[in-house]
Amino acid sequence: MRRALIALVVLLASRAFADEDAPARPFVMPSLSGGSSAGVDLSYTSFKFDFGIFGRYDARAIIVEPVIDVRLAKGLVGFARFPIGFGSVDVPAPAQGCCDASLGNLTFGGRFVAPIRGVKGSDFAAELSFSAPTASDPSSGSNDNSGTGEDIVAFAGATHDLAYYQRRLTALRMNVYARHVAQQFFVQAMLGFHLYFIDNTAPTDDETQSNLRLSAAAGFLPTQRVAVIAEITNNFNASAKNGQEAWIHALDLGLRYENHDATFGAHIFIPLDDAFTNVDMLGVGVDVRAKF
């Protein structure tokens, strides 16, 4: 009887931390809970924007991104996201500052999630998604600063995934994930291969880029509902046209709260590459999801 009681307590404790209500959800990578949710991601990024002959001035990018995950069948989730950005830069006279709103690239896809046999609390997922070229394209505008706001938003978003924000870009993403949830911690990893098809203004300038994505997250769960999370995102981008190659790394640190009905996360993100640190880039983000 005593052994049975101990086994029951251990089982209930394990389920409490390994079910879909545990805060085992990174900030950039998706949740592998397999459930339905809808909400919004908000981010604010500041940095010094290079405004040509006028020098560098304070710039800000605010991104509001509605997101939805819908459970279509057991283990199968459809999802969509559509970022809306607002970029601004302070430039003194005689130059003209700008404050431009911009749309990002509509992204949708499917994710299959399944438990890993023989490894309790572990999941595997495969994902396929597509980004349509819906981002604002001001190239035909007459404003001298046309496109500056869009460029600010795209530069800020490049720390994690440029293809959500870059104009005239179509993206195909293929990702795999693995996650393990224990009583007081979780870990999640991702390997992705992405193709970017860029439709430049001149047809001869069109290009294809490949992107290798490696991400990892770890979280400490001091309670059933709260997690302290660190996540690193690594993107390797290569252009087939000009042979250019580059790594982009970003670190996200923050807290998450989750219960049966909703989840809330707050974090800071820190770029780790000279292209971003040299302009003093720093960002904060929050996300909210309601489950259904």
Protein backbone atom coordinates (compact mmCIF):
# COMPACT_ATOMS: atom_id res chain seq x y z
CA MET A 1 0.00 0.00 0.00
CA ARG A 2 2.79 2.36 0.93
CA ARG A 3 4.61 1.70 -2.35
CA ALA A 4 1.42 2.24 -4.33
CA LEU A 5 0.85 5.59 -2.60
CA ILE A 6 4.41 6.73 -3.31
CA ALA A 7 4.06 5.68 -6.97
CA LEU A 8 0.80 7.64 -7.25
CA VAL A 9 2.37 10.79 -5.80
CA VAL A 10 5.34 10.54 -8.18
CA LEU A 11 3.01 10.00 -11.15
CA LEU A 12 0.84 12.99 -10.29
CA ALA A 13 3.86 15.22 -9.76
CA SER A 14 5.36 14.14 -13.06
CA ARG A 15 2.12 14.86 -14.92
CA ALA A 16 1.77 18.23 -13.27
CA PHE A 17 5.02 19.34 -14.82
CA ALA A 18 4.90 17.42 -18.09
CA ASP A 19 1.37 18.29 -19.22
CA GLU A 20 0.43 21.07 -21.61
CA ASP A 21 -0.21 23.48 -18.71
CA ALA A 22 3.44 23.48 -17.63
CA PRO A 23 5.31 26.69 -18.61
CA ALA A 24 7.62 24.70 -20.91
CA ARG A 25 7.32 27.15 -23.79
CA PRO A 26 10.30 29.15 -25.18
CA PHE A 27 10.00 32.72 -26.43
CA VAL A 28 11.06 32.26 -30.08
CA MET A 29 10.53 28.57 -30.77
CA PRO A 30 6.90 27.36 -30.71
CA SER A 31 5.17 25.42 -27.98
CA LEU A 32 5.08 21.66 -28.53
CA SER A 33 2.02 21.15 -26.32
CA GLY A 34 -0.12 20.31 -29.36
CA GLY A 35 -3.02 22.46 -28.14
CA SER A 36 -4.95 25.44 -29.53
CA SER A 37 -4.22 29.02 -28.56
CA ALA A 38 -4.48 32.57 -29.88
CA GLY A 39 -2.75 35.74 -28.81
CA VAL A 40 -0.15 38.32 -29.67
CA ASP A 41 3.62 38.85 -29.52
CA LEU A 42 4.81 42.39 -28.79
CA SER A 43 8.39 43.64 -29.05
CA TYR A 44 10.21 46.94 -28.71
CA THR A 45 13.74 47.31 -30.08
CA SER A 46 16.03 50.35 -29.91
CA PHE A 47 19.30 50.99 -31.74
CA LYS A 48 21.30 53.61 -33.61
CA PHE A 49 20.16 53.87 -37.23
CA ASP A 50 22.66 54.93 -39.90
CA PHE A 51 20.97 57.81 -41.74
CA GLY A 52 23.62 58.34 -44.41
CA ILE A 53 25.41 61.69 -44.39
CA PHE A 54 23.39 62.81 -41.39
CA GLY A 55 25.02 60.20 -39.12
CA ARG A 56 23.50 57.78 -36.63
CA TYR A 57 20.37 58.61 -34.69
CA ASP A 58 18.07 56.88 -32.22
CA ALA A 59 15.70 54.43 -33.89
CA ARG A 60 12.89 52.30 -32.53
CA ALA A 61 10.96 49.34 -33.90
CA ILE A 62 7.68 48.20 -32.41
CA ILE A 63 6.29 44.90 -33.71
CA VAL A 64 2.78 43.63 -32.97
CA GLU A 65 2.25 40.07 -34.16
CA PRO A 66 -1.10 38.27 -33.88
CA VAL A 67 -0.58 34.49 -33.75
CA ILE A 68 -2.88 31.49 -33.67
CA ASP A 69 -2.37 27.74 -33.24
CA VAL A 70 -5.33 25.43 -33.96
CA ARG A 71 -5.36 21.75 -33.08
CA LEU A 72 -6.68 20.04 -36.21
CA ALA A 73 -6.32 16.47 -34.95
CA LYS A 74 -4.39 14.64 -32.29
CA GLY A 75 -0.77 15.70 -32.72
CA LEU A 76 -1.51 17.98 -35.71
CA VAL A 77 -1.54 21.77 -35.33
CA GLY A 78 -2.15 24.43 -37.96
CA PHE A 79 -0.79 27.90 -37.28
CA ALA A 80 -0.59 31.41 -38.70
CA ARG A 81 1.07 34.72 -37.79
CA PHE A 82 1.04 38.19 -39.31
CA PRO A 83 3.46 40.86 -38.02
CA ILE A 84 2.64 44.55 -38.08
CA GLY A 85 5.57 46.91 -37.47
CA PHE A 86 6.17 50.56 -36.72
CA GLY A 87 9.65 52.01 -37.28
CA SER A 88 10.81 55.50 -36.40
CA VAL A 89 14.08 57.43 -36.28
CA ASP A 90 14.89 60.84 -34.77
CA VAL A 91 16.78 63.01 -37.27
CA PRO A 92 17.30 66.75 -36.68
CA ALA A 93 16.67 69.40 -39.33
CA PRO A 94 17.26 69.82 -42.21
CA ALA A 95 16.73 66.10 -42.60
CA GLN A 96 13.28 64.66 -42.13
CA GLY A 97 12.67 61.96 -39.56
CA CYS A 98 10.17 59.27 -40.27
CA CYS A 99 7.56 57.22 -38.54
CA ASP A 100 6.27 54.49 -40.85
CA ALA A 101 3.90 51.63 -40.17
CA SER A 102 4.51 48.47 -42.16
CA LEU A 103 3.02 45.05 -42.71
CA GLY A 104 5.08 41.89 -42.49
CA ASN A 105 4.88 38.60 -44.36
CA LEU A 106 1.84 36.44 -43.66
CA THR A 107 3.07 33.05 -42.45
CA PHE A 108 1.09 29.84 -42.11
CA GLY A 109 1.88 26.17 -41.82
CA GLY A 110 1.42 22.88 -40.00
CA ARG A 111 3.17 21.13 -37.14
CA PHE A 112 3.05 17.43 -36.22
CA VAL A 113 3.85 16.64 -32.58
CA ALA A 114 4.29 13.18 -31.08
CA PRO A 115 5.73 11.77 -27.86
CA ILE A 116 9.08 10.02 -28.09
CA ARG A 117 8.54 6.36 -27.25
CA GLY A 118 10.31 5.12 -24.18
CA VAL A 119 11.36 8.61 -23.03
CA LYS A 120 8.83 9.98 -20.56
CA GLY A 121 8.10 13.68 -20.89
CA SER A 122 9.77 13.95 -24.31
CA ASP A 123 8.24 15.13 -27.58
CA PHE A 124 9.30 15.33 -31.21
CA ALA A 125 7.84 17.69 -33.81
CA ALA A 126 8.17 18.30 -37.54
CA GLU A 127 6.98 21.56 -39.08
CA LEU A 128 6.47 23.00 -42.54
CA SER A 129 5.56 26.66 -43.10
CA PHE A 130 5.34 29.25 -45.84
CA SER A 131 5.72 33.05 -45.72
CA ALA A 132 3.93 34.96 -48.47
CA PRO A 133 5.44 38.27 -49.74
CA THR A 134 2.85 40.54 -48.11
CA ALA A 135 5.34 42.92 -46.44
CA SER A 136 4.92 46.62 -47.22
CA ASP A 137 6.87 47.63 -50.32
CA PRO A 138 7.27 51.42 -50.59
CA SER A 139 9.73 51.28 -53.50
CA SER A 140 7.27 53.13 -55.76
CA GLY A 141 6.51 55.85 -53.22
CA SER A 142 7.49 59.45 -53.66
CA ASN A 143 8.46 60.21 -50.04
CA ASP A 144 12.21 60.73 -49.68
CA ASN A 145 12.13 58.53 -46.59
CA SER A 146 9.86 55.93 -48.13
CA GLY A 147 10.95 52.54 -46.84
CA THR A 148 12.97 53.76 -43.87
CA GLY A 149 10.39 52.59 -41.35
CA GLU A 150 10.18 49.19 -43.06
CA ASP A 151 13.98 48.92 -43.07
CA ILE A 152 14.10 49.68 -39.34
CA VAL A 153 11.54 46.98 -38.57
CA ALA A 154 13.30 44.44 -40.81
CA PHE A 155 16.70 45.18 -39.25
CA ALA A 156 15.29 44.72 -35.75
CA GLY A 157 13.57 41.48 -36.77
CA ALA A 158 16.70 40.08 -38.42
CA THR A 159 18.05 39.05 -35.01
CA HIS A 160 15.52 36.20 -34.99
CA ASP A 161 13.98 35.73 -38.45
CA LEU A 162 14.33 38.32 -41.20
CA ALA A 163 11.86 36.51 -43.45
CA TYR A 164 8.88 37.58 -41.33
CA TYR A 165 9.55 41.25 -42.14
CA GLN A 166 11.63 41.68 -45.32
CA ARG A 167 9.76 43.05 -48.34
CA ARG A 168 9.61 41.12 -51.62
CA LEU A 169 10.62 37.89 -49.88
CA THR A 170 8.95 34.48 -50.00
CA ALA A 171 10.11 31.85 -47.51
CA LEU A 172 9.75 28.09 -47.19
CA ARG A 173 10.68 26.66 -43.76
CA MET A 174 11.28 23.05 -42.73
CA ASN A 175 11.95 22.57 -39.01
CA VAL A 176 12.28 19.70 -36.54
CA TYR A 177 12.10 20.03 -32.76
CA ALA A 178 12.73 17.94 -29.67
CA ARG A 179 11.65 18.74 -26.11
CA HIS A 180 12.02 17.13 -22.71
CA VAL A 181 10.00 18.25 -19.68
CA ALA A 182 10.92 17.11 -16.17
CA GLN A 183 9.67 18.16 -12.75
CA GLN A 184 11.85 21.24 -12.39
CA PHE A 185 13.27 21.94 -15.83
CA PHE A 186 12.69 21.64 -19.54
CA VAL A 187 14.94 21.74 -22.60
CA GLN A 188 14.00 22.24 -26.24
CA ALA A 189 16.07 22.24 -29.42
CA MET A 190 15.44 23.02 -33.06
CA LEU A 191 17.07 22.31 -36.41
CA GLY A 192 15.70 24.11 -39.44
CA PHE A 193 16.42 24.58 -43.12
CA HIS A 194 14.84 27.62 -44.81
CA LEU A 195 14.79 28.88 -48.38
CA TYR A 196 14.32 32.59 -49.14
CA PHE A 197 13.25 33.70 -52.63
CA ILE A 198 13.89 37.42 -53.02
CA ASP A 199 12.19 39.33 -55.84
CA ASN A 200 14.37 42.40 -56.26
CA THR A 201 13.32 45.44 -58.30
CA ALA A 202 15.35 44.39 -61.35
CA PRO A 203 14.57 40.83 -62.54
CA THR A 204 18.29 40.15 -63.00
CA ASP A 205 18.83 40.90 -59.30
CA ASP A 206 16.45 38.18 -58.05
CA GLU A 207 18.18 35.76 -55.72
CA THR A 208 17.75 32.67 -53.58
CA GLN A 209 19.17 32.39 -50.09
CA SER A 210 19.44 29.35 -47.84
CA ASN A 211 19.25 29.55 -44.09
CA LEU A 212 20.32 27.00 -41.49
CA ARG A 213 18.71 27.56 -38.11
CA LEU A 214 19.94 26.07 -34.82
CA SER A 215 18.16 27.00 -31.60
CA ALA A 216 18.13 25.75 -28.02
CA ALA A 217 16.23 26.72 -24.88
CA ALA A 218 16.41 25.66 -21.24
CA GLY A 219 14.05 26.54 -18.44
CA PHE A 220 14.06 26.13 -14.66
CA LEU A 221 10.63 25.61 -13.10
CA PRO A 222 10.66 26.78 -9.46
CA THR A 223 6.88 26.16 -9.31
CA GLN A 224 4.30 24.38 -11.44
CA ARG A 225 3.31 27.59 -13.18
CA VAL A 226 6.49 29.68 -13.48
CA ALA A 227 9.65 29.14 -15.55
CA VAL A 228 12.92 31.06 -15.85
CA ILE A 229 14.03 30.62 -19.46
CA ALA A 230 17.16 31.18 -21.54
CA GLU A 231 17.00 30.70 -25.31
CA ILE A 232 19.63 31.13 -28.01
CA THR A 233 18.86 31.50 -31.71
CA ASN A 234 21.52 30.90 -34.37
CA ASN A 235 20.95 31.59 -38.06
CA PHE A 236 23.44 30.87 -40.83
CA ASN A 237 22.51 32.59 -44.08
CA ALA A 238 24.09 31.99 -47.49
CA SER A 239 23.32 33.76 -50.78
CA ALA A 240 23.50 31.71 -53.96
CA LYS A 241 23.93 34.88 -56.01
CA ASN A 242 26.94 36.60 -54.45
CA GLY A 243 28.31 33.85 -52.21
CA GLN A 244 27.99 35.92 -49.04
CA GLU A 245 27.66 34.02 -45.77
CA ALA A 246 26.86 35.25 -42.28
CA TRP A 247 25.92 34.00 -38.82
CA ILE A 248 23.38 35.84 -36.67
CA HIS A 249 23.05 34.99 -32.97
CA ALA A 250 20.59 36.28 -30.36
CA LEU A 251 20.02 35.48 -26.69
CA ASP A 252 16.60 35.75 -25.01
CA LEU A 253 16.24 35.75 -21.22
CA GLY A 254 13.01 36.00 -19.26
CA LEU A 255 10.11 34.56 -17.28
CA ARG A 256 6.96 32.68 -18.22
CA TYR A 257 3.73 32.05 -16.35
CA GLU A 258 1.24 29.45 -17.58
CA ASN A 259 -1.99 27.91 -16.34
CA HIS A 260 -4.84 25.92 -17.82
CA ASP A 261 -6.36 28.92 -19.59
CA ALA A 262 -3.48 31.17 -20.70
CA THR A 263 0.24 31.85 -20.77
CA PHE A 264 2.23 35.05 -20.40
CA GLY A 265 5.93 35.63 -21.12
CA ALA A 266 8.27 38.60 -20.71
CA HIS A 267 11.88 38.68 -21.87
CA ILE A 268 14.79 40.76 -23.06
CA PHE A 269 16.72 39.86 -26.21
CA ILE A 270 20.38 40.60 -26.70
CA PRO A 271 22.04 40.40 -30.14
CA LEU A 272 25.50 38.82 -30.03
CA ASP A 273 26.98 39.97 -33.36
CA ASP A 274 28.94 43.12 -34.19
CA ALA A 275 26.42 44.27 -36.80
CA PHE A 276 23.90 44.72 -33.99
CA THR A 277 26.04 45.37 -30.91
CA ASN A 278 27.91 48.16 -32.74
CA VAL A 279 24.62 50.06 -33.00
CA ASP A 280 23.69 49.40 -29.35
CA MET A 281 20.69 47.23 -30.17
CA LEU A 282 18.59 45.96 -27.27
CA GLY A 283 15.03 44.69 -27.19
CA VAL A 284 12.23 43.60 -24.89
CA GLY A 285 9.25 41.45 -25.67
CA VAL A 286 6.06 40.11 -24.15
CA ASP A 287 3.68 37.45 -25.39
CA VAL A 288 0.16 36.50 -24.35
CA ARG A 289 -1.83 33.42 -25.39
CA ALA A 290 -5.36 32.35 -24.51
CA LYS A 291 -5.96 28.60 -24.82
CA PHE A 292 -9.10 27.15 -26.31
